[in-house]
């Protein structure tokens, strides 16, 4: 099970993208996600992009620049694609997708403003 603490640890551990997309564990992506999510790498544009066909074409998570991906992290039933401000979870047993969008914590000053 993926908990809030596990998600926070992913953001903390993978703060930066690797120097090059060559350092990403691409075999992990294709071994764990290709069966149900039909992932492909598009090398036709100005930058290489990861295309996840199980996500709607209108979604901003359908096409992701490889330079924006920080890591691929396997879990028991999920594969996490860690980005700067979001994590895409691809289920390894069905075409289910879950997305976590990082929110900034409310500052003390914002809480005080909200009281008035």
PDB file of N, CA and C in Angstrom:
ATOM      1  N   UNK A   1       0.843  -1.180   0.000  1.00  0.00           N
ATOM      2  CA  UNK A   1       0.000   0.000   0.000  1.00  0.00           C
ATOM      3  C   UNK A   1       0.887   1.243   0.000  1.00  0.00           C
ATOM      4  N   UNK A   2       0.469   2.217  -0.735  1.00  0.00           N
ATOM      5  CA  UNK A   2       1.226   3.457  -0.832  1.00  0.00           C
ATOM      6  C   UNK A   2       0.596   4.478   0.112  1.00  0.00           C
ATOM      7  N   UNK A   3       1.369   4.922   1.071  1.00  0.00           N
ATOM      8  CA  UNK A   3       0.875   5.854   2.080  1.00  0.00           C
ATOM      9  C   UNK A   3       1.337   7.274   1.766  1.00  0.00           C
ATOM     10  N   UNK A   4       0.770   8.236   2.500  1.00  0.00           N
ATOM     11  CA  UNK A   4       1.193   9.634   2.344  1.00  0.00           C
ATOM     12  C   UNK A   4       2.675   9.778   2.660  1.00  0.00           C
ATOM     13  N   UNK A   5       3.116   9.043   3.668  1.00  0.00           N
ATOM     14  CA  UNK A   5       4.523   9.113   4.056  1.00  0.00           C
ATOM     15  C   UNK A   5       5.413   8.591   2.923  1.00  0.00           C
ATOM     16  N   UNK A   6       4.998   7.516   2.273  1.00  0.00           N
ATOM     17  CA  UNK A   6       5.772   6.972   1.149  1.00  0.00           C
ATOM     18  C   UNK A   6       5.835   7.975   0.004  1.00  0.00           C
ATOM     19  N   UNK A   7       4.727   8.662  -0.241  1.00  0.00           N
ATOM     20  CA  UNK A   7       4.696   9.672  -1.300  1.00  0.00           C
ATOM     21  C   UNK A   7       5.628  10.831  -0.955  1.00  0.00           C
ATOM     22  N   UNK A   8       5.593  11.283   0.288  1.00  0.00           N
ATOM     23  CA  UNK A   8       6.489  12.359   0.716  1.00  0.00           C
ATOM     24  C   UNK A   8       7.951  11.940   0.572  1.00  0.00           C
ATOM     25  N   UNK A   9       8.245  10.695   0.890  1.00  0.00           N
ATOM     26  CA  UNK A   9       9.618  10.199   0.755  1.00  0.00           C
ATOM     27  C   UNK A   9      10.058  10.172  -0.715  1.00  0.00           C
ATOM     28  N   UNK A  10       9.141   9.838  -1.618  1.00  0.00           N
ATOM     29  CA  UNK A  10       9.476   9.860  -3.045  1.00  0.00           C
ATOM     30  C   UNK A  10       9.838  11.272  -3.494  1.00  0.00           C
ATOM     31  N   UNK A  11       9.033  12.256  -3.094  1.00  0.00           N
ATOM     32  CA  UNK A  11       9.335  13.641  -3.455  1.00  0.00           C
ATOM     33  C   UNK A  11      10.671  14.083  -2.864  1.00  0.00           C
ATOM     34  N   UNK A  12      10.941  13.663  -1.641  1.00  0.00           N
ATOM     35  CA  UNK A  12      12.178  14.069  -0.978  1.00  0.00           C
ATOM     36  C   UNK A  12      13.396  13.382  -1.609  1.00  0.00           C
ATOM     37  N   UNK A  13      13.286  12.092  -1.856  1.00  0.00           N
ATOM     38  CA  UNK A  13      14.421  11.328  -2.386  1.00  0.00           C
ATOM     39  C   UNK A  13      14.743  11.693  -3.829  1.00  0.00           C
ATOM     40  N   UNK A  14      13.731  11.971  -4.612  1.00  0.00           N
ATOM     41  CA  UNK A  14      13.929  12.263  -6.033  1.00  0.00           C
ATOM     42  C   UNK A  14      13.581  13.719  -6.321  1.00  0.00           C
ATOM     43  N   UNK A  15      14.261  14.628  -5.651  1.00  0.00           N
ATOM     44  CA  UNK A  15      14.023  16.066  -5.820  1.00  0.00           C
ATOM     45  C   UNK A  15      14.398  16.563  -7.210  1.00  0.00           C
ATOM     46  N   UNK A  16      15.436  15.992  -7.771  1.00  0.00           N
ATOM     47  CA  UNK A  16      15.953  16.459  -9.058  1.00  0.00           C
ATOM     48  C   UNK A  16      15.916  15.345 -10.086  1.00  0.00           C
ATOM     49  N   UNK A  17      15.765  15.761 -11.328  1.00  0.00           N
ATOM     50  CA  UNK A  17      15.844  14.799 -12.429  1.00  0.00           C
ATOM     51  C   UNK A  17      17.305  14.400 -12.611  1.00  0.00           C
ATOM     52  N   UNK A  18      17.559  13.221 -13.141  1.00  0.00           N
ATOM     53  CA  UNK A  18      18.952  12.838 -13.393  1.00  0.00           C
ATOM     54  C   UNK A  18      19.570  13.739 -14.465  1.00  0.00           C
ATOM     55  N   UNK A  19      20.885  13.708 -14.548  1.00  0.00           N
ATOM     56  CA  UNK A  19      21.600  14.549 -15.511  1.00  0.00           C
ATOM     57  C   UNK A  19      21.120  14.308 -16.938  1.00  0.00           C
ATOM     58  N   UNK A  20      20.758  13.081 -17.209  1.00  0.00           N
ATOM     59  CA  UNK A  20      20.313  12.710 -18.549  1.00  0.00           C
ATOM     60  C   UNK A  20      19.242  11.622 -18.424  1.00  0.00           C
ATOM     61  N   UNK A  21      18.301  11.575 -19.356  1.00  0.00           N
ATOM     62  CA  UNK A  21      17.308  10.492 -19.332  1.00  0.00           C
ATOM     63  C   UNK A  21      17.944   9.110 -19.469  1.00  0.00           C
ATOM     64  N   UNK A  22      19.193   9.055 -19.907  1.00  0.00           N
ATOM     65  CA  UNK A  22      19.891   7.764 -20.013  1.00  0.00           C
ATOM     66  C   UNK A  22      20.058   7.093 -18.659  1.00  0.00           C
ATOM     67  N   UNK A  23      20.000   7.880 -17.580  1.00  0.00           N
ATOM     68  CA  UNK A  23      20.161   7.331 -16.238  1.00  0.00           C
ATOM     69  C   UNK A  23      18.858   6.765 -15.662  1.00  0.00           C
ATOM     70  N   UNK A  24      17.745   6.960 -16.356  1.00  0.00           N
ATOM     71  CA  UNK A  24      16.473   6.390 -15.905  1.00  0.00           C
ATOM     72  C   UNK A  24      16.443   4.889 -16.180  1.00  0.00           C
ATOM     73  N   UNK A  25      15.751   4.153 -15.347  1.00  0.00           N
ATOM     74  CA  UNK A  25      15.660   2.706 -15.484  1.00  0.00           C
ATOM     75  C   UNK A  25      14.521   2.348 -16.442  1.00  0.00           C
ATOM     76  N   UNK A  26      14.778   2.534 -17.734  1.00  0.00           N
ATOM     77  CA  UNK A  26      13.745   2.290 -18.756  1.00  0.00           C
ATOM     78  C   UNK A  26      13.261   0.839 -18.796  1.00  0.00           C
ATOM     79  N   UNK A  27      14.134  -0.156 -18.631  1.00  0.00           N
ATOM     80  CA  UNK A  27      13.620  -1.541 -18.629  1.00  0.00           C
ATOM     81  C   UNK A  27      12.565  -1.766 -17.539  1.00  0.00           C
ATOM     82  N   UNK A  28      12.736  -1.114 -16.401  1.00  0.00           N
ATOM     83  CA  UNK A  28      11.752  -1.223 -15.321  1.00  0.00           C
ATOM     84  C   UNK A  28      10.397  -0.715 -15.793  1.00  0.00           C
ATOM     85  N   UNK A  29      10.391   0.404 -16.486  1.00  0.00           N
ATOM     86  CA  UNK A  29       9.149   0.964 -17.009  1.00  0.00           C
ATOM     87  C   UNK A  29       8.471  -0.008 -17.959  1.00  0.00           C
ATOM     88  N   UNK A  30       9.209  -0.539 -18.907  1.00  0.00           N
ATOM     89  CA  UNK A  30       8.597  -1.415 -19.904  1.00  0.00           C
ATOM     90  C   UNK A  30       8.239  -2.784 -19.331  1.00  0.00           C
ATOM     91  N   UNK A  31       9.018  -3.285 -18.380  1.00  0.00           N
ATOM     92  CA  UNK A  31       8.692  -4.574 -17.761  1.00  0.00           C
ATOM     93  C   UNK A  31       7.415  -4.493 -16.931  1.00  0.00           C
ATOM     94  N   UNK A  32       7.217  -3.372 -16.215  1.00  0.00           N
ATOM     95  CA  UNK A  32       6.108  -3.272 -15.280  1.00  0.00           C
ATOM     96  C   UNK A  32       4.863  -2.615 -15.852  1.00  0.00           C
ATOM     97  N   UNK A  33       4.991  -1.771 -16.868  1.00  0.00           N
ATOM     98  CA  UNK A  33       3.836  -0.973 -17.289  1.00  0.00           C
ATOM     99  C   UNK A  33       3.393  -1.179 -18.730  1.00  0.00           C
ATOM    100  N   UNK A  34       4.164  -1.841 -19.533  1.00  0.00           N
ATOM    101  CA  UNK A  34       3.814  -1.907 -20.950  1.00  0.00           C
ATOM    102  C   UNK A  34       2.598  -2.806 -21.231  1.00  0.00           C
ATOM    103  N   UNK A  35       2.390  -3.807 -20.419  1.00  0.00           N
ATOM    104  CA  UNK A  35       1.304  -4.753 -20.684  1.00  0.00           C
ATOM    105  C   UNK A  35      -0.080  -4.086 -20.637  1.00  0.00           C
ATOM    106  N   UNK A  36      -0.341  -3.283 -19.618  1.00  0.00           N
ATOM    107  CA  UNK A  36      -1.662  -2.680 -19.449  1.00  0.00           C
ATOM    108  C   UNK A  36      -1.741  -1.204 -19.838  1.00  0.00           C
ATOM    109  N   UNK A  37      -0.607  -0.551 -19.967  1.00  0.00           N
ATOM    110  CA  UNK A  37      -0.633   0.896 -20.185  1.00  0.00           C
ATOM    111  C   UNK A  37      -0.085   1.316 -21.548  1.00  0.00           C
ATOM    112  N   UNK A  38       0.433   0.387 -22.317  1.00  0.00           N
ATOM    113  CA  UNK A  38       0.939   0.668 -23.655  1.00  0.00           C
ATOM    114  C   UNK A  38       1.820   1.916 -23.667  1.00  0.00           C
ATOM    115  N   UNK A  39       2.906   1.886 -22.908  1.00  0.00           N
ATOM    116  CA  UNK A  39       3.826   3.018 -22.862  1.00  0.00           C
ATOM    117  C   UNK A  39       4.798   2.946 -24.039  1.00  0.00           C
ATOM    118  N   UNK A  40       5.077   4.100 -24.602  1.00  0.00           N
ATOM    119  CA  UNK A  40       6.036   4.193 -25.704  1.00  0.00           C
ATOM    120  C   UNK A  40       6.904   5.422 -25.508  1.00  0.00           C
ATOM    121  N   UNK A  41       8.028   5.427 -26.173  1.00  0.00           N
ATOM    122  CA  UNK A  41       8.918   6.590 -26.188  1.00  0.00           C
ATOM    123  C   UNK A  41       8.820   7.195 -27.580  1.00  0.00           C
ATOM    124  N   UNK A  42       8.455   8.473 -27.640  1.00  0.00           N
ATOM    125  CA  UNK A  42       8.336   9.182 -28.909  1.00  0.00           C
ATOM    126  C   UNK A  42       9.597  10.018 -29.102  1.00  0.00           C
ATOM    127  N   UNK A  43      10.353   9.707 -30.136  1.00  0.00           N
ATOM    128  CA  UNK A  43      11.613  10.406 -30.388  1.00  0.00           C
ATOM    129  C   UNK A  43      11.529  11.285 -31.630  1.00  0.00           C
ATOM    130  N   UNK A  44      10.330  11.666 -32.041  1.00  0.00           N
ATOM    131  CA  UNK A  44      10.160  12.431 -33.267  1.00  0.00           C
ATOM    132  C   UNK A  44      10.211  13.936 -33.071  1.00  0.00           C
ATOM    133  N   UNK A  45       9.974  14.430 -31.877  1.00  0.00           N
ATOM    134  CA  UNK A  45       9.920  15.872 -31.649  1.00  0.00           C
ATOM    135  C   UNK A  45      11.269  16.451 -31.270  1.00  0.00           C
ATOM    136  N   UNK A  46      11.225  17.657 -30.722  1.00  0.00           N
ATOM    137  CA  UNK A  46      12.457  18.316 -30.293  1.00  0.00           C
ATOM    138  C   UNK A  46      13.035  17.661 -29.050  1.00  0.00           C
ATOM    139  N   UNK A  47      12.170  17.059 -28.238  1.00  0.00           N
ATOM    140  CA  UNK A  47      12.656  16.319 -27.074  1.00  0.00           C
ATOM    141  C   UNK A  47      11.954  14.967 -27.022  1.00  0.00           C
ATOM    142  N   UNK A  48      12.628  13.992 -26.472  1.00  0.00           N
ATOM    143  CA  UNK A  48      12.041  12.657 -26.348  1.00  0.00           C
ATOM    144  C   UNK A  48      10.942  12.700 -25.284  1.00  0.00           C
ATOM    145  N   UNK A  49       9.828  12.040 -25.565  1.00  0.00           N
ATOM    146  CA  UNK A  49       8.718  12.039 -24.625  1.00  0.00           C
ATOM    147  C   UNK A  49       8.233  10.629 -24.351  1.00  0.00           C
ATOM    148  N   UNK A  50       7.740  10.448 -23.143  1.00  0.00           N
ATOM    149  CA  UNK A  50       7.096   9.210 -22.742  1.00  0.00           C
ATOM    150  C   UNK A  50       5.608   9.388 -23.007  1.00  0.00           C
ATOM    151  N   UNK A  51       5.012   8.445 -23.714  1.00  0.00           N
ATOM    152  CA  UNK A  51       3.584   8.491 -24.009  1.00  0.00           C
ATOM    153  C   UNK A  51       2.917   7.328 -23.281  1.00  0.00           C
ATOM    154  N   UNK A  52       1.928   7.656 -22.443  1.00  0.00           N
ATOM    155  CA  UNK A  52       1.192   6.644 -21.695  1.00  0.00           C
ATOM    156  C   UNK A  52      -0.204   6.581 -22.309  1.00  0.00           C
ATOM    157  N   UNK A  53      -0.456   5.547 -23.087  1.00  0.00           N
ATOM    158  CA  UNK A  53      -1.699   5.458 -23.843  1.00  0.00           C
ATOM    159  C   UNK A  53      -2.919   5.107 -22.990  1.00  0.00           C
ATOM    160  N   UNK A  54      -2.714   4.665 -21.755  1.00  0.00           N
ATOM    161  CA  UNK A  54      -3.857   4.380 -20.881  1.00  0.00           C
ATOM    162  C   UNK A  54      -4.398   5.654 -20.230  1.00  0.00           C
ATOM    163  N   UNK A  55      -3.714   6.770 -20.448  1.00  0.00           N
ATOM    164  CA  UNK A  55      -4.173   8.068 -19.950  1.00  0.00           C
ATOM    165  C   UNK A  55      -4.765   8.827 -21.132  1.00  0.00           C
ATOM    166  N   UNK A  56      -5.892   9.479 -20.912  1.00  0.00           N
ATOM    167  CA  UNK A  56      -6.590  10.217 -21.963  1.00  0.00           C
ATOM    168  C   UNK A  56      -5.661  11.207 -22.672  1.00  0.00           C
ATOM    169  N   UNK A  57      -5.830  11.331 -23.976  1.00  0.00           N
ATOM    170  CA  UNK A  57      -4.994  12.215 -24.804  1.00  0.00           C
ATOM    171  C   UNK A  57      -5.071  13.672 -24.375  1.00  0.00           C
ATOM    172  N   UNK A  58      -6.171  14.077 -23.767  1.00  0.00           N
ATOM    173  CA  UNK A  58      -6.336  15.467 -23.344  1.00  0.00           C
ATOM    174  C   UNK A  58      -5.660  15.768 -22.007  1.00  0.00           C
ATOM    175  N   UNK A  59      -5.211  14.752 -21.327  1.00  0.00           N
ATOM    176  CA  UNK A  59      -4.568  14.932 -20.028  1.00  0.00           C
ATOM    177  C   UNK A  59      -3.133  15.422 -20.200  1.00  0.00           C
ATOM    178  N   UNK A  60      -2.677  16.291 -19.310  1.00  0.00           N
ATOM    179  CA  UNK A  60      -1.280  16.722 -19.383  1.00  0.00           C
ATOM    180  C   UNK A  60      -0.296  15.597 -19.026  1.00  0.00           C
ATOM    181  N   UNK A  61      -0.814  14.496 -18.494  1.00  0.00           N
ATOM    182  CA  UNK A  61       0.044  13.370 -18.131  1.00  0.00           C
ATOM    183  C   UNK A  61       0.121  12.308 -19.226  1.00  0.00           C
ATOM    184  N   UNK A  62      -0.518  12.546 -20.350  1.00  0.00           N
ATOM    185  CA  UNK A  62      -0.471  11.599 -21.467  1.00  0.00           C
ATOM    186  C   UNK A  62       0.925  11.577 -22.105  1.00  0.00           C
ATOM    187  N   UNK A  63       1.522  12.745 -22.314  1.00  0.00           N
ATOM    188  CA  UNK A  63       2.868  12.882 -22.897  1.00  0.00           C
ATOM    189  C   UNK A  63       3.740  13.636 -21.903  1.00  0.00           C
ATOM    190  N   UNK A  64       4.878  13.047 -21.554  1.00  0.00           N
ATOM    191  CA  UNK A  64       5.783  13.656 -20.577  1.00  0.00           C
ATOM    192  C   UNK A  64       7.190  13.669 -21.155  1.00  0.00           C
ATOM    193  N   UNK A  65       7.833  14.817 -21.119  1.00  0.00           N
ATOM    194  CA  UNK A  65       9.218  14.909 -21.578  1.00  0.00           C
ATOM    195  C   UNK A  65      10.097  14.045 -20.675  1.00  0.00           C
ATOM    196  N   UNK A  66      10.969  13.259 -21.277  1.00  0.00           N
ATOM    197  CA  UNK A  66      11.850  12.396 -20.480  1.00  0.00           C
ATOM    198  C   UNK A  66      12.735  13.205 -19.546  1.00  0.00           C
ATOM    199  N   UNK A  67      13.059  14.428 -19.930  1.00  0.00           N
ATOM    200  CA  UNK A  67      13.893  15.273 -19.077  1.00  0.00           C
ATOM    201  C   UNK A  67      13.147  15.732 -17.822  1.00  0.00           C
ATOM    202  N   UNK A  68      11.822  15.590 -17.802  1.00  0.00           N
ATOM    203  CA  UNK A  68      11.015  15.970 -16.638  1.00  0.00           C
ATOM    204  C   UNK A  68      10.850  14.831 -15.642  1.00  0.00           C
ATOM    205  N   UNK A  69      11.205  13.636 -16.033  1.00  0.00           N
ATOM    206  CA  UNK A  69      11.022  12.469 -15.165  1.00  0.00           C
ATOM    207  C   UNK A  69      12.222  12.332 -14.237  1.00  0.00           C
ATOM    208  N   UNK A  70      11.926  12.226 -12.945  1.00  0.00           N
ATOM    209  CA  UNK A  70      12.984  12.097 -11.945  1.00  0.00           C
ATOM    210  C   UNK A  70      13.353  10.643 -11.682  1.00  0.00           C
ATOM    211  N   UNK A  71      12.368   9.738 -11.695  1.00  0.00           N
ATOM    212  CA  UNK A  71      12.662   8.329 -11.420  1.00  0.00           C
ATOM    213  C   UNK A  71      11.451   7.453 -11.708  1.00  0.00           C
ATOM    214  N   UNK A  72      11.729   6.169 -11.886  1.00  0.00           N
ATOM    215  CA  UNK A  72      10.717   5.121 -11.924  1.00  0.00           C
ATOM    216  C   UNK A  72      10.936   4.286 -10.674  1.00  0.00           C
ATOM    217  N   UNK A  73       9.889   4.128  -9.856  1.00  0.00           N
ATOM    218  CA  UNK A  73      10.034   3.408  -8.589  1.00  0.00           C
ATOM    219  C   UNK A  73       8.961   2.318  -8.524  1.00  0.00           C
ATOM    220  N   UNK A  74       9.373   1.059  -8.399  1.00  0.00           N
ATOM    221  CA  UNK A  74       8.385  -0.025  -8.309  1.00  0.00           C
ATOM    222  C   UNK A  74       7.851  -0.198  -6.886  1.00  0.00           C
ATOM    223  N   UNK A  75       6.571  -0.501  -6.797  1.00  0.00           N
ATOM    224  CA  UNK A  75       5.925  -0.909  -5.556  1.00  0.00           C
ATOM    225  C   UNK A  75       5.317  -2.277  -5.828  1.00  0.00           C
ATOM    226  N   UNK A  76       4.682  -2.864  -4.842  1.00  0.00           N
ATOM    227  CA  UNK A  76       4.142  -4.214  -5.000  1.00  0.00           C
ATOM    228  C   UNK A  76       3.186  -4.312  -6.189  1.00  0.00           C
ATOM    229  N   UNK A  77       2.208  -3.417  -6.253  1.00  0.00           N
ATOM    230  CA  UNK A  77       1.217  -3.455  -7.329  1.00  0.00           C
ATOM    231  C   UNK A  77       1.267  -2.239  -8.253  1.00  0.00           C
ATOM    232  N   UNK A  78       2.190  -1.328  -8.023  1.00  0.00           N
ATOM    233  CA  UNK A  78       2.222  -0.075  -8.761  1.00  0.00           C
ATOM    234  C   UNK A  78       3.637   0.242  -9.237  1.00  0.00           C
ATOM    235  N   UNK A  79       3.709   1.044 -10.267  1.00  0.00           N
ATOM    236  CA  UNK A  79       4.969   1.634 -10.699  1.00  0.00           C
ATOM    237  C   UNK A  79       4.785   3.140 -10.614  1.00  0.00           C
ATOM    238  N   UNK A  80       5.652   3.807  -9.870  1.00  0.00           N
ATOM    239  CA  UNK A  80       5.562   5.254  -9.707  1.00  0.00           C
ATOM    240  C   UNK A  80       6.487   5.934 -10.710  1.00  0.00           C
ATOM    241  N   UNK A  81       5.947   6.924 -11.400  1.00  0.00           N
ATOM    242  CA  UNK A  81       6.742   7.785 -12.269  1.00  0.00           C
ATOM    243  C   UNK A  81       6.814   9.122 -11.540  1.00  0.00           C
ATOM    244  N   UNK A  82       7.982   9.424 -10.992  1.00  0.00           N
ATOM    245  CA  UNK A  82       8.147  10.607 -10.151  1.00  0.00           C
ATOM    246  C   UNK A  82       8.543  11.801 -11.008  1.00  0.00           C
ATOM    247  N   UNK A  83       7.766  12.871 -10.888  1.00  0.00           N
ATOM    248  CA  UNK A  83       8.048  14.145 -11.540  1.00  0.00           C
ATOM    249  C   UNK A  83       8.288  15.185 -10.439  1.00  0.00           C
ATOM    250  N   UNK A  84       8.561  16.414 -10.814  1.00  0.00           N
ATOM    251  CA  UNK A  84       8.844  17.443  -9.815  1.00  0.00           C
ATOM    252  C   UNK A  84       7.672  17.681  -8.871  1.00  0.00           C
ATOM    253  N   UNK A  85       6.494  17.875  -9.409  1.00  0.00           N
ATOM    254  CA  UNK A  85       5.335  18.236  -8.590  1.00  0.00           C
ATOM    255  C   UNK A  85       4.191  17.235  -8.664  1.00  0.00           C
ATOM    256  N   UNK A  86       4.456  16.068  -9.195  1.00  0.00           N
ATOM    257  CA  UNK A  86       3.416  15.048  -9.269  1.00  0.00           C
ATOM    258  C   UNK A  86       4.047  13.665  -9.411  1.00  0.00           C
ATOM    259  N   UNK A  87       3.244  12.677  -9.093  1.00  0.00           N
ATOM    260  CA  UNK A  87       3.664  11.287  -9.256  1.00  0.00           C
ATOM    261  C   UNK A  87       2.528  10.553  -9.958  1.00  0.00           C
ATOM    262  N   UNK A  88       2.877   9.832 -11.007  1.00  0.00           N
ATOM    263  CA  UNK A  88       1.906   9.024 -11.735  1.00  0.00           C
ATOM    264  C   UNK A  88       2.102   7.583 -11.282  1.00  0.00           C
ATOM    265  N   UNK A  89       1.038   6.970 -10.799  1.00  0.00           N
ATOM    266  CA  UNK A  89       1.091   5.580 -10.379  1.00  0.00           C
ATOM    267  C   UNK A  89       0.373   4.737 -11.428  1.00  0.00           C
ATOM    268  N   UNK A  90       1.083   3.798 -12.019  1.00  0.00           N
ATOM    269  CA  UNK A  90       0.513   2.881 -12.999  1.00  0.00           C
ATOM    270  C   UNK A  90       0.368   1.517 -12.344  1.00  0.00           C
ATOM    271  N   UNK A  91      -0.830   0.984 -12.346  1.00  0.00           N
ATOM    272  CA  UNK A  91      -1.058  -0.324 -11.748  1.00  0.00           C
ATOM    273  C   UNK A  91      -0.416  -1.400 -12.615  1.00  0.00           C
ATOM    274  N   UNK A  92       0.219  -2.358 -11.984  1.00  0.00           N
ATOM    275  CA  UNK A  92       0.919  -3.418 -12.709  1.00  0.00           C
ATOM    276  C   UNK A  92       0.005  -4.571 -13.108  1.00  0.00           C
ATOM    277  N   UNK A  93      -1.242  -4.586 -12.595  1.00  0.00           N
ATOM    278  CA  UNK A  93      -2.142  -5.713 -12.839  1.00  0.00           C
ATOM    279  C   UNK A  93      -3.391  -5.358 -13.639  1.00  0.00           C
ATOM    280  N   UNK A  94      -3.580  -4.086 -13.927  1.00  0.00           N
ATOM    281  CA  UNK A  94      -4.735  -3.629 -14.700  1.00  0.00           C
ATOM    282  C   UNK A  94      -4.426  -2.232 -15.242  1.00  0.00           C
ATOM    283  N   UNK A  95      -5.261  -1.690 -16.112  1.00  0.00           N
ATOM    284  CA  UNK A  95      -4.971  -0.376 -16.694  1.00  0.00           C
ATOM    285  C   UNK A  95      -5.326   0.813 -15.799  1.00  0.00           C
ATOM    286  N   UNK A  96      -5.398   0.614 -14.503  1.00  0.00           N
ATOM    287  CA  UNK A  96      -5.737   1.685 -13.567  1.00  0.00           C
ATOM    288  C   UNK A  96      -4.546   2.640 -13.393  1.00  0.00           C
ATOM    289  N   UNK A  97      -4.864   3.934 -13.349  1.00  0.00           N
ATOM    290  CA  UNK A  97      -3.851   4.979 -13.167  1.00  0.00           C
ATOM    291  C   UNK A  97      -4.286   5.871 -12.015  1.00  0.00           C
ATOM    292  N   UNK A  98      -3.344   6.261 -11.183  1.00  0.00           N
ATOM    293  CA  UNK A  98      -3.621   7.189 -10.094  1.00  0.00           C
ATOM    294  C   UNK A  98      -2.545   8.265 -10.130  1.00  0.00           C
ATOM    295  N   UNK A  99      -2.951   9.496  -9.868  1.00  0.00           N
ATOM    296  CA  UNK A  99      -2.002  10.601  -9.940  1.00  0.00           C
ATOM    297  C   UNK A  99      -2.040  11.373  -8.632  1.00  0.00           C
ATOM    298  N   UNK A 100      -0.869  11.638  -8.078  1.00  0.00           N
ATOM    299  CA  UNK A 100      -0.744  12.475  -6.895  1.00  0.00           C
ATOM    300  C   UNK A 100      -0.141  13.798  -7.332  1.00  0.00           C
ATOM    301  N   UNK A 101      -0.816  14.883  -6.990  1.00  0.00           N
ATOM    302  CA  UNK A 101      -0.293  16.213  -7.296  1.00  0.00           C
ATOM    303  C   UNK A 101       0.146  16.845  -5.994  1.00  0.00           C
ATOM    304  N   UNK A 102       1.390  17.251  -5.966  1.00  0.00           N
ATOM    305  CA  UNK A 102       1.985  17.820  -4.760  1.00  0.00           C
ATOM    306  C   UNK A 102       1.359  19.183  -4.482  1.00  0.00           C
ATOM    307  N   UNK A 103       0.966  19.382  -3.236  1.00  0.00           N
ATOM    308  CA  UNK A 103       0.454  20.675  -2.815  1.00  0.00           C
ATOM    309  C   UNK A 103       1.407  21.268  -1.798  1.00  0.00           C
ATOM    310  N   UNK A 104       1.558  22.555  -1.873  1.00  0.00           N
ATOM    311  CA  UNK A 104       2.423  23.238  -0.916  1.00  0.00           C
ATOM    312  C   UNK A 104       1.685  23.360   0.412  1.00  0.00           C
ATOM    313  N   UNK A 105       2.381  23.127   1.520  1.00  0.00           N
ATOM    314  CA  UNK A 105       1.712  23.262   2.813  1.00  0.00           C
ATOM    315  C   UNK A 105       1.343  24.729   3.078  1.00  0.00           C
ATOM    316  N   UNK A 106       0.270  24.929   3.809  1.00  0.00           N
ATOM    317  CA  UNK A 106      -0.178  26.270   4.149  1.00  0.00           C
ATOM    318  C   UNK A 106       0.780  26.853   5.182  1.00  0.00           C
ATOM    319  N   UNK A 107       1.246  28.065   4.918  1.00  0.00           N
ATOM    320  CA  UNK A 107       2.177  28.703   5.844  1.00  0.00           C
ATOM    321  C   UNK A 107       1.425  29.275   7.038  1.00  0.00           C
ATOM    322  N   UNK A 108       2.144  29.594   8.076  1.00  0.00           N
ATOM    323  CA  UNK A 108       1.553  30.178   9.269  1.00  0.00           C
ATOM    324  C   UNK A 108       0.874  31.498   8.931  1.00  0.00           C
ATOM    325  N   UNK A 109       1.514  32.305   8.097  1.00  0.00           N
ATOM    326  CA  UNK A 109       0.940  33.591   7.722  1.00  0.00           C
ATOM    327  C   UNK A 109      -0.379  33.415   6.967  1.00  0.00           C
ATOM    328  N   UNK A 110      -0.449  32.421   6.086  1.00  0.00           N
ATOM    329  CA  UNK A 110      -1.695  32.172   5.350  1.00  0.00           C
ATOM    330  C   UNK A 110      -2.804  31.705   6.286  1.00  0.00           C
ATOM    331  N   UNK A 111      -2.454  30.924   7.298  1.00  0.00           N
ATOM    332  CA  UNK A 111      -3.457  30.480   8.281  1.00  0.00           C
ATOM    333  C   UNK A 111      -4.005  31.669   9.076  1.00  0.00           C
ATOM    334  N   UNK A 112      -3.112  32.577   9.450  1.00  0.00           N
ATOM    335  CA  UNK A 112      -3.535  33.751  10.202  1.00  0.00           C
ATOM    336  C   UNK A 112      -4.443  34.622   9.340  1.00  0.00           C
ATOM    337  N   UNK A 113      -4.084  34.800   8.064  1.00  0.00           N
ATOM    338  CA  UNK A 113      -4.921  35.576   7.145  1.00  0.00           C
ATOM    339  C   UNK A 113      -6.304  34.959   7.019  1.00  0.00           C
ATOM    340  N   UNK A 114      -6.369  33.630   6.974  1.00  0.00           N
ATOM    341  CA  UNK A 114      -7.635  32.928   6.826  1.00  0.00           C
ATOM    342  C   UNK A 114      -8.566  33.122   8.003  1.00  0.00           C
ATOM    343  N   UNK A 115      -8.029  33.432   9.169  1.00  0.00           N
ATOM    344  CA  UNK A 115      -8.849  33.644  10.360  1.00  0.00           C
ATOM    345  C   UNK A 115      -9.621  34.952  10.294  1.00  0.00           C
ATOM    346  N   UNK A 116      -9.105  35.914   9.546  1.00  0.00           N
ATOM    347  CA  UNK A 116      -9.742  37.242   9.509  1.00  0.00           C
ATOM    348  C   UNK A 116     -10.531  37.440   8.289  1.00  0.00           C
TER     349      UNK A 116
END
